[in-house]
Structures are given as C-alpha cells and as structure tokens.
Amino acid sequence: MEYCRKYPQAATALQEWYYELVKADFKNFNELKTVYGNASLVADDRIIFNILGNHYRLVVRIVFEYKTIQVKWFGTHTEYDRISAASIKFKKK
C-alpha cells in the first residue's frame, strides 16, 4: 500500500497484479512465465515484473513452495535503471 500512495498513477495496476498473484497457484517460475511473459528471473529467486505498460518495475522474491511473496522494490523504469535488482533491500520510509 505504501507504493500505491507514493505512485498513485500506478496504484490500480499494482493492486491488480497483487490480487492476480494472490489467487494464482504457480508451482515454479516457468508456470508464472506462461502468464507473465515479460517477467525476468534474477538472483535470490527475485522476479522483475513490468507494471503499467513497463512504466514501472516491481522486484519481488517469490518462494513458490510456501506461496510467499516479498516485495523488495517498486518504482519507475528510470529509477529501476539506478538499482541492482539482485541485491536491493526493502527499506521502509
């Protein structure tokens, strides 16, 4: 919800992504990739999603076995170019 407040223009798309993932039952990245074709896998089981037509990027860590999603980072595509998706840590502001 913090990201929805920070980026209100992306709030609906981010919430739609969230509810889709909550309902989904992906067993592994390959199953997820069939639905989210633009998703990319990086180190530490992190997955990069394009949000709102690739204007925003979402970095999450998914543990498929436990159906756990940890949001690591969200921001504009320009901001994404300045971070390391493989090592960025979530920071509560």
N, C-alpha and C. Protein backbone atom coordinates (compact mmCIF):
# COMPACT_ATOMS: atom_id res chain seq x y z
N MET A 1 0.82 -1.20 0.00
CA MET A 1 0.00 0.00 0.00
C MET A 1 0.87 1.27 0.00
N GLU A 2 2.05 1.16 0.59
CA GLU A 2 2.95 2.31 0.62
C GLU A 2 3.29 2.77 -0.80
N TYR A 3 3.54 1.81 -1.69
CA TYR A 3 3.87 2.16 -3.07
C TYR A 3 2.66 2.74 -3.80
N CYS A 4 1.47 2.31 -3.45
CA CYS A 4 0.26 2.87 -4.07
C CYS A 4 0.11 4.34 -3.70
N ARG A 5 0.48 4.68 -2.48
CA ARG A 5 0.42 6.09 -2.07
C ARG A 5 1.52 6.92 -2.74
N LYS A 6 2.71 6.31 -2.85
CA LYS A 6 3.83 7.03 -3.43
C LYS A 6 3.67 7.22 -4.94
N TYR A 7 3.06 6.23 -5.60
CA TYR A 7 2.87 6.27 -7.06
C TYR A 7 1.38 6.07 -7.37
N PRO A 8 0.55 7.06 -7.11
CA PRO A 8 -0.90 6.89 -7.28
C PRO A 8 -1.32 6.54 -8.71
N GLN A 9 -0.57 6.99 -9.71
CA GLN A 9 -0.92 6.68 -11.09
C GLN A 9 -0.73 5.19 -11.39
N ALA A 10 0.05 4.48 -10.58
CA ALA A 10 0.28 3.04 -10.77
C ALA A 10 -0.52 2.19 -9.79
N ALA A 11 -1.27 2.82 -8.90
CA ALA A 11 -1.94 2.09 -7.82
C ALA A 11 -2.87 1.00 -8.33
N THR A 12 -3.70 1.29 -9.28
CA THR A 12 -4.65 0.29 -9.78
C THR A 12 -3.92 -0.90 -10.41
N ALA A 13 -2.94 -0.63 -11.24
CA ALA A 13 -2.19 -1.71 -11.89
C ALA A 13 -1.44 -2.55 -10.86
N LEU A 14 -0.88 -1.92 -9.85
CA LEU A 14 -0.16 -2.65 -8.81
C LEU A 14 -1.12 -3.52 -7.99
N GLN A 15 -2.27 -2.99 -7.66
CA GLN A 15 -3.26 -3.77 -6.92
C GLN A 15 -3.79 -4.93 -7.75
N GLU A 16 -4.00 -4.72 -9.04
CA GLU A 16 -4.44 -5.81 -9.91
C GLU A 16 -3.40 -6.91 -9.95
N TRP A 17 -2.11 -6.54 -10.07
CA TRP A 17 -1.04 -7.53 -10.05
C TRP A 17 -1.08 -8.32 -8.75
N TYR A 18 -1.22 -7.62 -7.64
CA TYR A 18 -1.23 -8.27 -6.33
C TYR A 18 -2.36 -9.30 -6.22
N TYR A 19 -3.58 -8.91 -6.57
CA TYR A 19 -4.71 -9.83 -6.44
C TYR A 19 -4.61 -11.00 -7.42
N GLU A 20 -4.03 -10.78 -8.58
CA GLU A 20 -3.80 -11.89 -9.52
C GLU A 20 -2.83 -12.91 -8.92
N LEU A 21 -1.76 -12.41 -8.31
CA LEU A 21 -0.76 -13.31 -7.72
C LEU A 21 -1.30 -14.02 -6.49
N VAL A 22 -2.12 -13.36 -5.70
CA VAL A 22 -2.70 -14.00 -4.52
C VAL A 22 -3.59 -15.17 -4.94
N LYS A 23 -4.33 -15.02 -6.00
CA LYS A 23 -5.24 -16.07 -6.47
C LYS A 23 -4.50 -17.19 -7.22
N ALA A 24 -3.35 -16.87 -7.78
CA ALA A 24 -2.62 -17.84 -8.62
C ALA A 24 -2.01 -18.96 -7.78
N ASP A 25 -1.76 -20.07 -8.45
CA ASP A 25 -1.14 -21.21 -7.78
C ASP A 25 0.05 -21.70 -8.61
N PHE A 26 1.00 -20.80 -8.83
CA PHE A 26 2.18 -21.15 -9.60
C PHE A 26 3.08 -22.06 -8.77
N LYS A 27 3.55 -23.12 -9.39
CA LYS A 27 4.45 -24.06 -8.71
C LYS A 27 5.92 -23.68 -8.89
N ASN A 28 6.20 -22.89 -9.94
CA ASN A 28 7.58 -22.51 -10.21
C ASN A 28 7.58 -21.32 -11.17
N PHE A 29 8.78 -20.82 -11.44
CA PHE A 29 8.90 -19.66 -12.32
C PHE A 29 8.39 -19.94 -13.72
N ASN A 30 8.63 -21.14 -14.23
CA ASN A 30 8.19 -21.46 -15.59
C ASN A 30 6.67 -21.35 -15.72
N GLU A 31 5.93 -21.78 -14.72
CA GLU A 31 4.46 -21.62 -14.74
C GLU A 31 4.08 -20.15 -14.70
N LEU A 32 4.75 -19.38 -13.86
CA LEU A 32 4.48 -17.95 -13.77
C LEU A 32 4.77 -17.27 -15.11
N LYS A 33 5.85 -17.68 -15.73
CA LYS A 33 6.28 -17.06 -17.01
C LYS A 33 5.25 -17.28 -18.12
N THR A 34 4.47 -18.36 -18.07
CA THR A 34 3.44 -18.57 -19.10
C THR A 34 2.35 -17.51 -19.02
N VAL A 35 2.14 -16.95 -17.84
CA VAL A 35 1.12 -15.91 -17.66
C VAL A 35 1.75 -14.52 -17.76
N TYR A 36 2.92 -14.36 -17.17
CA TYR A 36 3.63 -13.08 -17.18
C TYR A 36 4.87 -13.22 -18.06
N GLY A 37 4.66 -13.14 -19.34
CA GLY A 37 5.72 -13.38 -20.32
C GLY A 37 6.90 -12.44 -20.21
N ASN A 38 6.69 -11.23 -19.70
CA ASN A 38 7.78 -10.26 -19.58
C ASN A 38 8.52 -10.36 -18.25
N ALA A 39 8.11 -11.26 -17.37
CA ALA A 39 8.78 -11.41 -16.08
C ALA A 39 10.19 -11.94 -16.29
N SER A 40 11.11 -11.45 -15.47
CA SER A 40 12.51 -11.88 -15.55
C SER A 40 12.97 -12.39 -14.20
N LEU A 41 13.72 -13.48 -14.22
CA LEU A 41 14.26 -14.07 -13.00
C LEU A 41 15.69 -13.61 -12.82
N VAL A 42 16.01 -13.12 -11.61
CA VAL A 42 17.38 -12.74 -11.27
C VAL A 42 17.78 -13.48 -10.00
N ALA A 43 18.91 -13.14 -9.45
CA ALA A 43 19.45 -13.83 -8.27
C ALA A 43 18.49 -13.83 -7.09
N ASP A 44 18.69 -14.80 -6.19
CA ASP A 44 17.94 -14.89 -4.94
C ASP A 44 16.43 -15.08 -5.18
N ASP A 45 16.07 -15.82 -6.22
CA ASP A 45 14.66 -16.07 -6.56
C ASP A 45 13.86 -14.79 -6.75
N ARG A 46 14.51 -13.75 -7.19
CA ARG A 46 13.82 -12.48 -7.41
C ARG A 46 13.28 -12.42 -8.83
N ILE A 47 12.10 -11.85 -8.92
CA ILE A 47 11.44 -11.74 -10.21
C ILE A 47 11.11 -10.28 -10.46
N ILE A 48 11.36 -9.83 -11.67
CA ILE A 48 11.09 -8.46 -12.08
C ILE A 48 9.83 -8.48 -12.94
N PHE A 49 8.87 -7.65 -12.56
CA PHE A 49 7.62 -7.51 -13.31
C PHE A 49 7.53 -6.10 -13.89
N ASN A 50 7.02 -6.01 -15.10
CA ASN A 50 6.68 -4.73 -15.70
C ASN A 50 5.26 -4.39 -15.26
N ILE A 51 5.08 -3.18 -14.77
CA ILE A 51 3.77 -2.74 -14.30
C ILE A 51 3.35 -1.51 -15.10
N LEU A 52 2.11 -1.47 -15.46
CA LEU A 52 1.51 -0.34 -16.19
C LEU A 52 2.27 -0.06 -17.49
N GLY A 53 2.29 -1.08 -18.34
CA GLY A 53 2.91 -0.92 -19.65
C GLY A 53 4.39 -0.63 -19.61
N ASN A 54 5.08 -1.20 -18.63
CA ASN A 54 6.53 -1.05 -18.50
C ASN A 54 6.95 0.34 -18.04
N HIS A 55 6.03 1.16 -17.55
CA HIS A 55 6.40 2.45 -16.98
C HIS A 55 6.99 2.27 -15.58
N TYR A 56 6.64 1.16 -14.94
CA TYR A 56 7.11 0.87 -13.59
C TYR A 56 7.69 -0.54 -13.55
N ARG A 57 8.56 -0.76 -12.57
CA ARG A 57 9.13 -2.08 -12.36
C ARG A 57 8.89 -2.48 -10.91
N LEU A 58 8.64 -3.76 -10.73
CA LEU A 58 8.40 -4.34 -9.42
C LEU A 58 9.39 -5.48 -9.23
N VAL A 59 10.12 -5.45 -8.13
CA VAL A 59 11.08 -6.51 -7.79
C VAL A 59 10.53 -7.24 -6.58
N VAL A 60 10.31 -8.54 -6.74
CA VAL A 60 9.81 -9.35 -5.63
C VAL A 60 10.66 -10.61 -5.51
N ARG A 61 10.61 -11.21 -4.35
CA ARG A 61 11.20 -12.53 -4.14
C ARG A 61 10.04 -13.47 -3.89
N ILE A 62 9.98 -14.53 -4.66
CA ILE A 62 8.89 -15.50 -4.52
C ILE A 62 9.47 -16.85 -4.11
N VAL A 63 8.89 -17.41 -3.06
CA VAL A 63 9.21 -18.78 -2.65
C VAL A 63 7.97 -19.60 -3.00
N PHE A 64 8.02 -20.25 -4.15
CA PHE A 64 6.85 -20.94 -4.68
C PHE A 64 6.37 -22.05 -3.74
N GLU A 65 7.28 -22.75 -3.12
CA GLU A 65 6.94 -23.86 -2.24
C GLU A 65 6.01 -23.41 -1.10
N TYR A 66 6.22 -22.20 -0.59
CA TYR A 66 5.43 -21.70 0.53
C TYR A 66 4.42 -20.64 0.12
N LYS A 67 4.33 -20.37 -1.17
CA LYS A 67 3.43 -19.34 -1.70
C LYS A 67 3.65 -18.00 -0.99
N THR A 68 4.92 -17.62 -0.93
CA THR A 68 5.32 -16.40 -0.24
C THR A 68 5.87 -15.40 -1.24
N ILE A 69 5.42 -14.15 -1.11
CA ILE A 69 5.90 -13.07 -1.96
C ILE A 69 6.43 -11.96 -1.06
N GLN A 70 7.68 -11.59 -1.27
CA GLN A 70 8.28 -10.47 -0.55
C GLN A 70 8.55 -9.36 -1.56
N VAL A 71 7.93 -8.22 -1.34
CA VAL A 71 8.20 -7.09 -2.21
C VAL A 71 9.52 -6.49 -1.79
N LYS A 72 10.44 -6.38 -2.74
CA LYS A 72 11.76 -5.81 -2.46
C LYS A 72 11.86 -4.35 -2.88
N TRP A 73 11.20 -4.03 -4.01
CA TRP A 73 11.33 -2.68 -4.53
C TRP A 73 10.25 -2.42 -5.58
N PHE A 74 9.81 -1.16 -5.68
CA PHE A 74 8.89 -0.73 -6.73
C PHE A 74 9.24 0.71 -7.09
N GLY A 75 9.21 1.01 -8.38
CA GLY A 75 9.47 2.38 -8.81
C GLY A 75 9.35 2.51 -10.31
N THR A 76 9.68 3.68 -10.79
CA THR A 76 9.59 3.93 -12.23
C THR A 76 10.70 3.17 -12.95
N HIS A 77 10.53 3.03 -14.24
CA HIS A 77 11.54 2.36 -15.04
C HIS A 77 12.88 3.10 -14.94
N THR A 78 12.83 4.41 -14.94
CA THR A 78 14.05 5.22 -14.81
C THR A 78 14.73 4.97 -13.48
N GLU A 79 13.96 4.91 -12.39
CA GLU A 79 14.53 4.62 -11.07
C GLU A 79 15.13 3.21 -11.04
N TYR A 80 14.45 2.28 -11.70
CA TYR A 80 14.93 0.90 -11.75
C TYR A 80 16.32 0.80 -12.36
N ASP A 81 16.58 1.63 -13.35
CA ASP A 81 17.89 1.61 -14.01
C ASP A 81 19.03 1.99 -13.07
N ARG A 82 18.71 2.57 -11.90
CA ARG A 82 19.74 3.01 -10.96
C ARG A 82 19.92 2.05 -9.78
N ILE A 83 19.23 0.91 -9.78
CA ILE A 83 19.35 -0.04 -8.66
C ILE A 83 19.91 -1.37 -9.15
N SER A 84 20.26 -2.21 -8.21
CA SER A 84 20.64 -3.59 -8.53
C SER A 84 19.48 -4.48 -8.07
N ALA A 85 18.73 -4.99 -9.01
CA ALA A 85 17.56 -5.82 -8.68
C ALA A 85 17.96 -7.08 -7.92
N ALA A 86 19.16 -7.55 -8.12
CA ALA A 86 19.61 -8.78 -7.46
C ALA A 86 19.95 -8.58 -5.99
N SER A 87 20.18 -7.33 -5.57
CA SER A 87 20.60 -7.13 -4.19
C SER A 87 19.84 -6.05 -3.43
N ILE A 88 18.97 -5.31 -4.08
CA ILE A 88 18.24 -4.23 -3.40
C ILE A 88 17.44 -4.80 -2.23
N LYS A 89 17.42 -4.07 -1.13
CA LYS A 89 16.67 -4.47 0.06
C LYS A 89 15.51 -3.51 0.26
N PHE A 90 14.39 -4.04 0.71
CA PHE A 90 13.24 -3.21 1.01
C PHE A 90 13.60 -2.28 2.16
N LYS A 91 13.30 -1.01 2.01
CA LYS A 91 13.51 -0.04 3.07
C LYS A 91 12.22 0.71 3.32
N LYS A 92 11.72 0.60 4.52
CA LYS A 92 10.50 1.33 4.88
C LYS A 92 10.88 2.78 5.10
N LYS A 93 10.15 3.66 4.45
CA LYS A 93 10.47 5.09 4.56
C LYS A 93 9.57 5.78 5.53
